[in-house]
Amino acid sequence: MDSTVWLRANSFPFFSSHDPPRLFAHRGASGHRPENTMEAFFLAWDMGVKYLEMDVHMSRDGHVVVIHDETLDRTTDGHGYVKEHTISELKRLDAGYSFLAENSCEPIFRGMGLRIPLLEEVIQEFPQAMLNIEVKQKNPPMEDSLWKVLSENGALERVLIASENGELLRRLRARFGPAVATGISRREAFAFLRWYLTGKRAPYRPEGQALQIPQKIKGLDYIGQGFIDAAHQLGLEVHIWTVNDSSRMKKFLDMGADGIITDYPERFPLGNLCGSRSPQLDKGKDKGGHHVLRSLNG
């Protein structure tokens, strides 16, 4: 345990700005638009989502970019590691190249001009959004570059910094200090689970504010009412990923889960936050001949 002051979740504007339960758009509305693109984030925002979840890496020349994988091959027409490319090289890639919507066999976003966004672009385009930022790159270290982008854009109070890697998350906490909310690493999540399963007898204090966890482990359900109550006892919020079935969303919310992370925000079962219509693709061209994507849900 380091000397960082631990604060409960409700101490941070990321949490206190909106009442739970929280709906997180996983890599944007990634069930309908290519993940981690501006179009996916625009659609989620148009649906009424206030929390945008995303992943970041760093380019060879030090720019923080929004992309999940360490390599380019799965989601773009590029190849190789993100960190081995300059920002100009990354910006030439087609970020919609491989995307297939649910029940579709045609990559309809290929060639439509979707690009890998800079984190700075997302921050500036969505000044009211809360940003859940999963830091993926361990080496070369990107903590200073991330700090620079967030601080220069006045976004430190509206972010949660997350990483599954324990060493990386420790480095991020050391760089950002106690003023920025953080998630829980994989190691810390299992420490919480051990504490809970052994009757909560030993002293335990979490080092983050949000327990962001998968809905199943190796295909098994493990999240119950007592699990969530134990997290709340420690001042932790519980956010569950990636839940795309409305009935399971409702099940977790009924147990007291604070947030649902989903590819399909319109399936969120509470109220009419996202409306009931499935988003449609409205394709047009602006005066420069570039493709324009618009949600019909706006």
Protein backbone atom coordinates (compact mmCIF):
# COMPACT_ATOMS: atom_id res chain seq x y z
CA MET A 1 0.00 0.00 0.00
CA ASP A 2 1.45 3.39 -0.93
CA SER A 3 0.94 6.63 0.93
CA THR A 4 -1.70 7.97 -1.45
CA VAL A 5 -4.77 9.23 0.38
CA TRP A 6 -7.75 6.99 -0.36
CA LEU A 7 -11.06 8.69 -1.04
CA ARG A 8 -14.50 7.17 -1.46
CA ALA A 9 -16.15 7.28 -4.87
CA ASN A 10 -18.59 10.07 -4.00
CA SER A 11 -15.64 12.40 -3.32
CA PHE A 12 -15.04 12.80 -7.07
CA PRO A 13 -17.01 14.85 -9.63
CA PHE A 14 -16.84 11.88 -12.02
CA PHE A 15 -19.34 10.20 -9.69
CA SER A 16 -21.08 13.09 -7.93
CA SER A 17 -21.99 14.94 -11.15
CA HIS A 18 -24.71 12.36 -11.95
CA ASP A 19 -26.74 10.04 -9.77
CA PRO A 20 -26.38 6.28 -10.24
CA PRO A 21 -27.13 4.00 -11.88
CA ARG A 22 -24.65 4.97 -14.59
CA LEU A 23 -24.82 3.90 -18.20
CA PHE A 24 -21.40 3.58 -19.87
CA ALA A 25 -21.09 3.31 -23.64
CA HIS A 26 -18.39 0.68 -24.12
CA ARG A 27 -15.95 2.12 -26.66
CA GLY A 28 -18.89 4.31 -27.63
CA ALA A 29 -22.05 2.75 -29.01
CA SER A 30 -19.80 0.03 -30.37
CA GLY A 31 -22.58 -2.39 -31.22
CA HIS A 32 -23.68 0.03 -33.94
CA ARG A 33 -20.55 1.96 -34.93
CA PRO A 34 -16.88 1.03 -35.18
CA GLU A 35 -15.46 0.95 -31.66
CA ASN A 36 -13.52 3.90 -30.24
CA THR A 37 -14.34 6.17 -33.16
CA MET A 38 -15.88 9.62 -33.00
CA GLU A 39 -18.97 8.21 -34.71
CA ALA A 40 -19.42 5.65 -31.91
CA PHE A 41 -19.09 8.39 -29.29
CA PHE A 42 -21.44 10.76 -31.16
CA LEU A 43 -24.11 8.08 -31.37
CA ALA A 44 -23.80 7.25 -27.67
CA TRP A 45 -24.09 10.93 -26.74
CA ASP A 46 -27.12 11.35 -29.00
CA MET A 47 -28.69 8.41 -27.16
CA GLY A 48 -28.37 10.29 -23.88
CA VAL A 49 -25.28 8.53 -22.50
CA LYS A 50 -23.23 10.70 -20.12
CA TYR A 51 -20.37 8.23 -19.54
CA LEU A 52 -18.13 7.35 -22.49
CA GLU A 53 -15.75 4.42 -22.02
CA MET A 54 -12.62 4.24 -24.17
CA ASP A 55 -9.11 2.81 -24.41
CA VAL A 56 -5.86 4.65 -25.08
CA HIS A 57 -2.38 3.98 -26.43
CA MET A 58 0.42 6.35 -27.43
CA SER A 59 1.86 6.92 -30.88
CA ARG A 60 5.58 6.75 -31.59
CA ASP A 61 5.77 10.54 -31.44
CA GLY A 62 3.94 10.86 -28.12
CA HIS A 63 0.29 11.48 -29.03
CA VAL A 64 -2.46 9.81 -26.99
CA VAL A 65 -4.81 7.97 -29.34
CA VAL A 66 -8.10 6.17 -28.70
CA ILE A 67 -7.84 2.52 -29.71
CA HIS A 68 -8.25 -0.74 -27.79
CA ASP A 69 -5.66 -3.16 -29.15
CA GLU A 70 -1.91 -2.72 -29.03
CA THR A 71 -1.89 -3.65 -32.71
CA LEU A 72 -3.78 -2.15 -35.64
CA ASP A 73 -4.78 -5.33 -37.44
CA ARG A 74 -8.18 -6.14 -35.88
CA THR A 75 -9.95 -2.80 -36.26
CA THR A 76 -8.14 -0.96 -39.09
CA ASP A 77 -6.52 -1.56 -42.47
CA GLY A 78 -3.12 -1.09 -40.85
CA HIS A 79 -0.63 -3.57 -39.43
CA GLY A 80 1.77 -3.67 -36.53
CA TYR A 81 1.92 -1.99 -33.14
CA VAL A 82 0.23 1.34 -32.47
CA LYS A 83 3.31 2.56 -30.59
CA GLU A 84 5.50 2.02 -33.66
CA HIS A 85 3.50 4.46 -35.82
CA THR A 86 3.52 8.25 -35.88
CA ILE A 87 0.28 10.16 -35.50
CA SER A 88 0.31 11.08 -39.20
CA GLU A 89 0.58 7.40 -40.11
CA LEU A 90 -2.21 6.44 -37.70
CA LYS A 91 -4.49 9.18 -39.00
CA ARG A 92 -4.30 7.76 -42.52
CA LEU A 93 -5.77 4.43 -41.45
CA ASP A 94 -9.40 3.36 -41.91
CA ALA A 95 -10.85 2.83 -38.41
CA GLY A 96 -14.08 1.45 -39.86
CA TYR A 97 -12.39 -1.11 -42.07
CA SER A 98 -13.31 -4.29 -40.20
CA PHE A 99 -16.49 -3.41 -38.32
CA LEU A 100 -19.52 -5.66 -38.73
CA ALA A 101 -22.76 -4.61 -37.08
CA GLU A 102 -24.90 -7.21 -35.33
CA ASN A 103 -26.47 -9.63 -37.85
CA SER A 104 -24.48 -8.07 -40.68
CA CYS A 105 -21.87 -9.64 -42.92
CA GLU A 106 -20.90 -6.47 -44.78
CA PRO A 107 -18.34 -3.92 -43.49
CA ILE A 108 -20.55 -0.93 -44.32
CA PHE A 109 -18.23 1.61 -42.69
CA ARG A 110 -15.21 0.64 -44.74
CA GLY A 111 -13.94 3.55 -46.81
CA MET A 112 -16.22 6.09 -45.14
CA GLY A 113 -13.46 8.19 -43.65
CA LEU A 114 -13.51 7.02 -40.03
CA ARG A 115 -10.20 7.66 -38.30
CA ILE A 116 -8.46 6.78 -35.04
CA PRO A 117 -9.20 9.79 -32.80
CA LEU A 118 -6.81 11.63 -30.57
CA LEU A 119 -7.94 11.65 -26.95
CA GLU A 120 -7.77 15.44 -27.13
CA GLU A 121 -10.34 15.41 -29.93
CA VAL A 122 -12.77 13.37 -27.84
CA ILE A 123 -12.30 15.64 -24.81
CA GLN A 124 -12.94 18.79 -26.84
CA GLU A 125 -15.88 17.37 -28.79
CA PHE A 126 -17.69 16.19 -25.64
CA PRO A 127 -17.05 18.85 -22.98
CA GLN A 128 -19.91 17.64 -20.78
CA ALA A 129 -19.18 13.91 -20.95
CA MET A 130 -17.60 11.86 -18.19
CA LEU A 131 -14.72 9.86 -19.64
CA ASN A 132 -13.79 6.37 -18.45
CA ILE A 133 -10.27 5.94 -19.82
CA GLU A 134 -8.69 2.49 -19.86
CA VAL A 135 -4.91 2.85 -20.27
CA LYS A 136 -3.62 -0.10 -22.27
CA GLN A 137 0.00 0.73 -23.00
CA LYS A 138 2.54 -0.14 -20.32
CA ASN A 139 5.72 0.59 -22.27
CA PRO A 140 6.92 3.01 -23.37
CA PRO A 141 5.32 4.81 -20.40
CA MET A 142 2.51 7.16 -21.39
CA GLU A 143 1.53 8.60 -18.01
CA ASP A 144 3.10 12.01 -18.65
CA SER A 145 1.52 12.33 -22.09
CA LEU A 146 -1.88 11.40 -20.69
CA TRP A 147 -1.49 13.87 -17.82
CA LYS A 148 -0.57 16.62 -20.29
CA VAL A 149 -3.62 16.03 -22.48
CA LEU A 150 -6.05 15.88 -19.57
CA SER A 151 -4.63 18.81 -17.60
CA GLU A 152 -4.22 21.13 -20.59
CA ASN A 153 -7.84 20.47 -21.57
CA GLY A 154 -9.20 20.91 -18.03
CA ALA A 155 -10.57 17.36 -17.96
CA LEU A 156 -9.03 15.91 -14.80
CA GLU A 157 -12.24 16.16 -12.78
CA ARG A 158 -14.38 14.36 -15.32
CA VAL A 159 -12.28 11.26 -15.87
CA LEU A 160 -11.79 7.89 -14.27
CA ILE A 161 -8.43 6.30 -15.05
CA ALA A 162 -8.46 2.51 -15.27
CA SER A 163 -6.08 -0.30 -16.09
CA GLU A 164 -6.19 -4.05 -15.53
CA ASN A 165 -2.41 -4.06 -15.11
CA GLY A 166 -1.44 -3.55 -11.47
CA GLU A 167 1.99 -2.04 -12.09
CA LEU A 168 0.66 0.37 -14.68
CA LEU A 169 -2.20 1.47 -12.44
CA ARG A 170 0.25 2.11 -9.58
CA ARG A 171 2.29 4.32 -11.90
CA LEU A 172 -0.82 6.18 -13.02
CA ARG A 173 -1.92 6.82 -9.44
CA ALA A 174 1.55 8.08 -8.56
CA ARG A 175 1.49 10.49 -11.53
CA PHE A 176 -2.08 11.73 -11.11
CA GLY A 177 -2.28 11.77 -7.32
CA PRO A 178 -5.43 11.51 -5.21
CA ALA A 179 -7.35 14.19 -7.11
CA VAL A 180 -8.25 11.81 -9.99
CA ALA A 181 -10.58 8.83 -9.62
CA THR A 182 -9.21 5.42 -10.55
CA GLY A 183 -10.52 1.95 -11.12
CA ILE A 184 -9.23 -1.31 -9.70
CA SER A 185 -6.61 -3.54 -11.32
CA ARG A 186 -7.17 -7.24 -11.93
CA ARG A 187 -4.96 -8.09 -8.95
CA GLU A 188 -6.88 -5.67 -6.71
CA ALA A 189 -10.21 -7.07 -7.89
CA PHE A 190 -9.17 -10.58 -6.89
CA ALA A 191 -7.93 -9.23 -3.53
CA PHE A 192 -11.40 -7.79 -2.96
CA LEU A 193 -13.00 -11.10 -3.97
CA ARG A 194 -10.77 -13.02 -1.52
CA TRP A 195 -11.63 -10.55 1.25
CA TYR A 196 -15.33 -10.99 0.55
CA LEU A 197 -15.25 -14.79 0.24
CA THR A 198 -13.30 -15.19 3.49
CA GLY A 199 -15.98 -13.37 5.46
CA LYS A 200 -14.48 -9.86 5.38
CA ARG A 201 -12.47 -10.69 8.49
CA ALA A 202 -9.07 -9.24 7.59
CA PRO A 203 -8.55 -5.46 7.33
CA TYR A 204 -8.93 -4.36 3.72
CA ARG A 205 -8.87 -1.00 2.01
CA PRO A 206 -9.21 -0.53 -1.76
CA GLU A 207 -6.82 1.74 -3.61
CA GLY A 208 -9.37 2.92 -6.18
CA GLN A 209 -12.97 4.06 -6.27
CA ALA A 210 -14.66 1.81 -8.85
CA LEU A 211 -14.74 -1.97 -9.03
CA GLN A 212 -15.16 -2.45 -12.78
CA ILE A 213 -15.60 -6.16 -13.32
CA PRO A 214 -16.77 -8.69 -15.93
CA GLN A 215 -20.27 -10.08 -15.59
CA LYS A 216 -18.89 -13.63 -15.51
CA ILE A 217 -15.58 -15.32 -14.72
CA LYS A 218 -14.85 -18.35 -16.92
CA GLY A 219 -18.55 -18.53 -17.77
CA LEU A 220 -19.70 -18.53 -14.16
CA ASP A 221 -21.94 -15.97 -12.47
CA TYR A 222 -20.27 -14.69 -9.31
CA ILE A 223 -21.84 -11.30 -8.64
CA GLY A 224 -24.58 -11.33 -6.02
CA GLN A 225 -26.27 -8.94 -3.65
CA GLY A 226 -23.73 -9.60 -0.90
CA PHE A 227 -20.83 -8.95 -3.25
CA ILE A 228 -22.20 -5.54 -4.24
CA ASP A 229 -23.13 -4.66 -0.65
CA ALA A 230 -19.56 -5.46 0.44
CA ALA A 231 -18.16 -3.11 -2.21
CA HIS A 232 -20.51 -0.35 -1.09
CA GLN A 233 -19.41 -0.92 2.50
CA LEU A 234 -15.92 0.15 1.37
CA GLY A 235 -17.16 3.17 -0.59
CA LEU A 236 -16.60 1.47 -3.93
CA GLU A 237 -18.95 1.71 -6.88
CA VAL A 238 -19.59 -1.45 -8.87
CA HIS A 239 -19.62 -1.19 -12.68
CA ILE A 240 -20.21 -4.40 -14.65
CA TRP A 241 -19.01 -5.12 -18.21
CA THR A 242 -19.81 -5.93 -20.96
CA VAL A 243 -23.56 -6.45 -20.50
CA ASN A 244 -25.58 -6.45 -23.70
CA ASP A 245 -28.70 -8.30 -22.52
CA SER A 246 -31.42 -6.11 -21.00
CA SER A 247 -32.58 -8.77 -18.57
CA ARG A 248 -29.08 -9.18 -17.16
CA MET A 249 -28.72 -5.41 -16.92
CA LYS A 250 -31.90 -5.30 -14.86
CA LYS A 251 -30.72 -8.19 -12.69
CA PHE A 252 -27.49 -6.36 -11.77
CA LEU A 253 -29.26 -3.04 -11.25
CA ASP A 254 -31.82 -4.70 -8.95
CA MET A 255 -28.89 -5.94 -6.87
CA GLY A 256 -27.62 -2.39 -6.53
CA ALA A 257 -24.93 -2.20 -9.21
CA ASP A 258 -23.91 1.41 -9.79
CA GLY A 259 -23.13 1.14 -13.48
CA ILE A 260 -23.59 -0.97 -16.60
CA ILE A 261 -21.01 -0.95 -19.39
CA THR A 262 -22.56 -1.97 -22.70
CA ASP A 263 -22.11 -1.94 -26.47
CA TYR A 264 -25.84 -1.25 -26.87
CA PRO A 265 -26.93 1.74 -24.76
CA GLU A 266 -30.51 1.61 -26.07
CA ARG A 267 -31.00 -1.69 -24.22
CA PHE A 268 -30.56 -0.04 -20.82
CA PRO A 269 -33.76 -1.02 -18.97
CA LEU A 270 -34.33 2.05 -16.80
CA GLY A 271 -36.58 4.81 -18.12
CA ASN A 272 -36.33 6.08 -21.68
CA LEU A 273 -32.77 7.35 -21.46
CA CYS A 274 -31.89 6.06 -24.90
CA GLY A 275 -35.28 5.78 -26.50
CA SER A 276 -36.56 2.59 -28.06
CA ARG A 277 -35.52 2.92 -31.69
CA SER A 278 -32.48 1.15 -33.04
CA PRO A 279 -30.03 3.63 -34.56
CA GLN A 280 -29.98 3.81 -38.31
CA LEU A 281 -27.22 4.88 -40.64
CA ASP A 282 -27.85 8.14 -42.46
CA LYS A 283 -25.18 8.49 -45.10
CA GLY A 284 -24.52 11.75 -46.82
CA LYS A 285 -21.64 13.89 -48.00
CA ASP A 286 -20.54 17.30 -46.91
CA LYS A 287 -19.36 19.97 -49.34
CA GLY A 288 -15.84 18.56 -49.30
CA GLY A 289 -17.10 15.18 -50.45
CA HIS A 290 -16.47 13.46 -47.12
CA HIS A 291 -18.93 10.98 -45.73
CA VAL A 292 -21.09 12.23 -42.90
CA LEU A 293 -22.65 9.89 -40.35
CA ARG A 294 -25.66 11.01 -38.39
CA SER A 295 -27.82 9.29 -35.82
CA LEU A 296 -31.55 9.41 -36.34
CA ASN A 297 -32.00 9.28 -32.56
CA GLY A 298 -30.79 12.82 -31.89
